[in-house]
Amino acid sequence: MLIVTGIPIVGWVTFESGPIIGLVVLAAGASMLRWPAIYLWRWLKRMVRRYG
């Protein structure tokens, strides 16, 4: 649920404040959802190794 609401918020902040602040907000959100982000990163790396 947090990811579903966080994506539009990051988009809105980026639109209103620029890409640097958007990246800061994205990093803050990723730190709150640290383990899901780590698991997503590991999964993406496995997929690239397997199919790339």
Protein backbone atom coordinates (compact mmCIF):
# COMPACT_ATOMS: atom_id res chain seq x y z
CA MET A 1 0.00 0.00 0.00
CA LEU A 2 2.87 2.39 0.76
CA ILE A 3 4.42 1.79 -2.65
CA VAL A 4 1.12 2.44 -4.41
CA THR A 5 0.71 5.79 -2.69
CA GLY A 6 4.40 6.66 -2.74
CA ILE A 7 4.87 6.57 -6.51
CA PRO A 8 2.40 9.41 -7.23
CA ILE A 9 3.81 11.43 -4.33
CA VAL A 10 7.35 11.12 -5.68
CA GLY A 11 6.10 12.08 -9.13
CA TRP A 12 4.28 15.12 -7.77
CA VAL A 13 7.26 16.27 -5.69
CA THR A 14 9.55 15.86 -8.70
CA PHE A 15 7.16 17.86 -10.89
CA GLU A 16 6.80 20.64 -8.34
CA SER A 17 10.36 20.87 -6.98
CA GLY A 18 12.63 19.43 -9.64
CA PRO A 19 14.58 16.23 -10.18
CA ILE A 20 17.13 16.70 -7.37
CA ILE A 21 14.46 17.02 -4.67
CA GLY A 22 12.58 14.17 -6.35
CA LEU A 23 15.62 11.93 -6.00
CA VAL A 24 15.95 12.92 -2.34
CA VAL A 25 12.30 12.00 -1.72
CA LEU A 26 12.78 8.74 -3.64
CA ALA A 27 15.82 7.88 -1.49
CA ALA A 28 13.87 8.70 1.67
CA GLY A 29 11.02 6.45 0.57
CA ALA A 30 13.42 3.65 -0.35
CA SER A 31 15.06 3.90 3.05
CA MET A 32 11.67 3.46 4.71
CA LEU A 33 10.99 0.44 2.50
CA ARG A 34 14.57 -0.76 2.68
CA TRP A 35 14.06 -4.51 2.61
CA PRO A 36 11.55 -4.57 -0.24
CA ALA A 37 13.93 -2.34 -2.22
CA ILE A 38 16.86 -4.66 -1.48
CA TYR A 39 14.88 -7.73 -2.52
CA LEU A 40 13.77 -5.97 -5.73
CA TRP A 41 17.38 -5.03 -6.53
CA ARG A 42 18.58 -8.61 -5.95
CA TRP A 43 15.76 -9.99 -8.10
CA LEU A 44 16.57 -7.57 -10.93
CA LYS A 45 20.26 -8.54 -10.80
CA ARG A 46 19.33 -12.23 -11.02
CA MET A 47 17.05 -11.58 -14.00
CA VAL A 48 19.78 -9.64 -15.82
CA ARG A 49 22.29 -12.43 -15.21
CA ARG A 50 19.82 -15.11 -16.27
CA TYR A 51 18.46 -13.42 -19.42
CA GLY A 52 21.09 -10.79 -20.22
